[in-house]
Amino acid sequence: MPPALSSDLLPLVAVFPSDDDALAAIRETCAEVMRSPAPGVVLLRPFQGLRERLYAAGAAVVVC
């Protein structure tokens, strides 16, 4: 059986209306991008309070 994944290793997924909105939110929140698999979609390294900050910065959906 593989070892359990730590929640620290799992990315937070945020969806924005556009790449420009995503980039602005990343700058505003000082988030660390792990990957951007599609326009307006970013995988971020999670930290305390990031989810709320992303919503405040215009995210349509945030999945932890």
N, C-alpha and C. Protein backbone atom coordinates (compact mmCIF):
# COMPACT_ATOMS: atom_id res chain seq x y z
N MET A 1 0.85 -1.18 0.00
CA MET A 1 0.00 0.00 0.00
C MET A 1 0.89 1.24 0.00
N PRO A 2 0.63 2.21 -0.88
CA PRO A 2 1.45 3.43 -0.91
C PRO A 2 1.22 4.27 0.34
N PRO A 3 2.22 5.07 0.70
CA PRO A 3 2.06 5.92 1.89
C PRO A 3 0.97 6.97 1.68
N ALA A 4 0.35 7.38 2.77
CA ALA A 4 -0.69 8.41 2.71
C ALA A 4 -0.07 9.74 2.26
N LEU A 5 -0.81 10.49 1.49
CA LEU A 5 -0.33 11.79 1.04
C LEU A 5 -0.57 12.83 2.12
N SER A 6 0.40 13.65 2.34
CA SER A 6 0.26 14.76 3.27
C SER A 6 -0.54 15.85 2.60
N SER A 7 -1.42 16.51 3.35
CA SER A 7 -2.20 17.60 2.76
C SER A 7 -1.31 18.76 2.34
N ASP A 8 -0.08 18.83 2.87
CA ASP A 8 0.86 19.87 2.46
C ASP A 8 1.33 19.67 1.02
N LEU A 9 1.24 18.44 0.52
CA LEU A 9 1.70 18.15 -0.83
C LEU A 9 0.60 18.32 -1.87
N LEU A 10 -0.64 18.37 -1.42
CA LEU A 10 -1.75 18.49 -2.35
C LEU A 10 -1.97 19.96 -2.70
N PRO A 11 -2.09 20.25 -3.98
CA PRO A 11 -2.28 21.66 -4.36
C PRO A 11 -3.69 22.14 -4.10
N LEU A 12 -3.81 23.42 -3.97
CA LEU A 12 -5.10 24.09 -3.92
C LEU A 12 -5.40 24.49 -5.36
N VAL A 13 -6.61 24.24 -5.83
CA VAL A 13 -6.99 24.55 -7.21
C VAL A 13 -7.89 25.77 -7.20
N ALA A 14 -7.55 26.76 -7.99
CA ALA A 14 -8.35 27.97 -8.08
C ALA A 14 -8.72 28.23 -9.54
N VAL A 15 -9.97 28.62 -9.75
CA VAL A 15 -10.46 28.91 -11.09
C VAL A 15 -10.87 30.37 -11.16
N PHE A 16 -10.37 31.06 -12.18
CA PHE A 16 -10.63 32.48 -12.39
C PHE A 16 -11.23 32.68 -13.77
N PRO A 17 -11.91 33.81 -13.99
CA PRO A 17 -12.49 34.09 -15.30
C PRO A 17 -11.47 34.16 -16.44
N SER A 18 -10.23 34.52 -16.11
CA SER A 18 -9.20 34.64 -17.16
C SER A 18 -7.81 34.47 -16.55
N ASP A 19 -6.82 34.30 -17.43
CA ASP A 19 -5.43 34.24 -16.98
C ASP A 19 -5.01 35.54 -16.30
N ASP A 20 -5.46 36.66 -16.85
CA ASP A 20 -5.10 37.96 -16.26
C ASP A 20 -5.62 38.08 -14.83
N ASP A 21 -6.86 37.62 -14.60
CA ASP A 21 -7.42 37.64 -13.25
C ASP A 21 -6.64 36.71 -12.32
N ALA A 22 -6.25 35.55 -12.84
CA ALA A 22 -5.47 34.61 -12.04
C ALA A 22 -4.12 35.21 -11.65
N LEU A 23 -3.43 35.81 -12.62
CA LEU A 23 -2.13 36.41 -12.34
C LEU A 23 -2.23 37.55 -11.33
N ALA A 24 -3.27 38.37 -11.45
CA ALA A 24 -3.46 39.46 -10.51
C ALA A 24 -3.69 38.93 -9.10
N ALA A 25 -4.49 37.87 -8.98
CA ALA A 25 -4.76 37.28 -7.66
C ALA A 25 -3.50 36.64 -7.08
N ILE A 26 -2.71 36.01 -7.92
CA ILE A 26 -1.46 35.38 -7.45
C ILE A 26 -0.53 36.45 -6.89
N ARG A 27 -0.42 37.56 -7.61
CA ARG A 27 0.42 38.66 -7.12
C ARG A 27 -0.12 39.23 -5.81
N GLU A 28 -1.43 39.43 -5.77
CA GLU A 28 -2.07 40.02 -4.59
C GLU A 28 -1.94 39.14 -3.35
N THR A 29 -2.01 37.84 -3.53
CA THR A 29 -1.99 36.92 -2.38
C THR A 29 -0.60 36.36 -2.08
N CYS A 30 0.37 36.64 -2.95
CA CYS A 30 1.73 36.09 -2.82
C CYS A 30 1.72 34.56 -2.85
N ALA A 31 0.80 34.00 -3.62
CA ALA A 31 0.69 32.55 -3.72
C ALA A 31 1.81 32.00 -4.60
N GLU A 32 2.17 30.75 -4.33
CA GLU A 32 3.20 30.07 -5.11
C GLU A 32 2.53 29.11 -6.09
N VAL A 33 2.73 29.36 -7.38
CA VAL A 33 2.11 28.54 -8.43
C VAL A 33 2.89 27.24 -8.58
N MET A 34 2.16 26.14 -8.53
CA MET A 34 2.76 24.83 -8.79
C MET A 34 2.61 24.49 -10.27
N ARG A 35 1.46 24.91 -10.83
CA ARG A 35 1.17 24.59 -12.23
C ARG A 35 -0.04 25.37 -12.69
N SER A 36 -0.13 25.62 -13.98
CA SER A 36 -1.31 26.24 -14.59
C SER A 36 -1.76 25.36 -15.75
N PRO A 37 -2.66 24.40 -15.49
CA PRO A 37 -3.03 23.42 -16.51
C PRO A 37 -3.96 23.92 -17.61
N ALA A 38 -4.64 25.04 -17.37
CA ALA A 38 -5.58 25.56 -18.37
C ALA A 38 -5.76 27.06 -18.14
N PRO A 39 -6.26 27.77 -19.13
CA PRO A 39 -6.47 29.21 -18.95
C PRO A 39 -7.39 29.49 -17.75
N GLY A 40 -6.93 30.35 -16.87
CA GLY A 40 -7.71 30.73 -15.69
C GLY A 40 -7.68 29.74 -14.55
N VAL A 41 -7.00 28.61 -14.74
CA VAL A 41 -6.93 27.57 -13.70
C VAL A 41 -5.50 27.48 -13.19
N VAL A 42 -5.34 27.55 -11.86
CA VAL A 42 -4.00 27.46 -11.27
C VAL A 42 -4.00 26.48 -10.11
N LEU A 43 -2.90 25.75 -9.98
CA LEU A 43 -2.65 24.88 -8.84
C LEU A 43 -1.63 25.60 -7.99
N LEU A 44 -1.97 25.82 -6.73
CA LEU A 44 -1.14 26.64 -5.85
C LEU A 44 -0.71 25.85 -4.62
N ARG A 45 0.46 26.20 -4.10
CA ARG A 45 0.91 25.61 -2.85
C ARG A 45 0.07 26.22 -1.74
N PRO A 46 -0.65 25.39 -0.98
CA PRO A 46 -1.56 25.94 0.03
C PRO A 46 -0.84 26.53 1.24
N PHE A 47 -1.47 27.52 1.84
CA PHE A 47 -1.04 28.04 3.14
C PHE A 47 -2.27 28.61 3.84
N GLN A 48 -2.15 28.77 5.13
CA GLN A 48 -3.27 29.21 5.96
C GLN A 48 -3.87 30.52 5.43
N GLY A 49 -5.17 30.51 5.20
CA GLY A 49 -5.87 31.71 4.77
C GLY A 49 -5.87 31.98 3.28
N LEU A 50 -5.19 31.14 2.50
CA LEU A 50 -5.10 31.40 1.06
C LEU A 50 -6.46 31.29 0.38
N ARG A 51 -7.25 30.31 0.76
CA ARG A 51 -8.56 30.13 0.13
C ARG A 51 -9.41 31.40 0.23
N GLU A 52 -9.48 31.97 1.40
CA GLU A 52 -10.26 33.18 1.61
C GLU A 52 -9.69 34.35 0.82
N ARG A 53 -8.38 34.44 0.77
CA ARG A 53 -7.73 35.52 0.01
C ARG A 53 -8.02 35.41 -1.48
N LEU A 54 -8.03 34.18 -1.99
CA LEU A 54 -8.30 33.98 -3.41
C LEU A 54 -9.73 34.37 -3.76
N TYR A 55 -10.68 34.00 -2.90
CA TYR A 55 -12.07 34.42 -3.15
C TYR A 55 -12.17 35.94 -3.12
N ALA A 56 -11.49 36.58 -2.18
CA ALA A 56 -11.51 38.03 -2.09
C ALA A 56 -10.87 38.67 -3.33
N ALA A 57 -9.94 37.95 -3.95
CA ALA A 57 -9.25 38.47 -5.13
C ALA A 57 -9.98 38.13 -6.43
N GLY A 58 -11.14 37.46 -6.35
CA GLY A 58 -11.93 37.24 -7.55
C GLY A 58 -12.04 35.82 -8.05
N ALA A 59 -11.58 34.84 -7.29
CA ALA A 59 -11.70 33.45 -7.74
C ALA A 59 -13.17 33.05 -7.81
N ALA A 60 -13.52 32.31 -8.87
CA ALA A 60 -14.89 31.80 -9.00
C ALA A 60 -15.08 30.55 -8.16
N VAL A 61 -14.03 29.70 -8.12
CA VAL A 61 -14.07 28.44 -7.37
C VAL A 61 -12.68 28.18 -6.80
N VAL A 62 -12.64 27.71 -5.54
CA VAL A 62 -11.39 27.28 -4.93
C VAL A 62 -11.63 25.92 -4.31
N VAL A 63 -10.79 24.95 -4.66
CA VAL A 63 -10.91 23.58 -4.13
C VAL A 63 -9.65 23.25 -3.35
N CYS A 64 -9.85 22.85 -2.11
CA CYS A 64 -8.70 22.50 -1.25
C CYS A 64 -8.54 21.00 -1.19
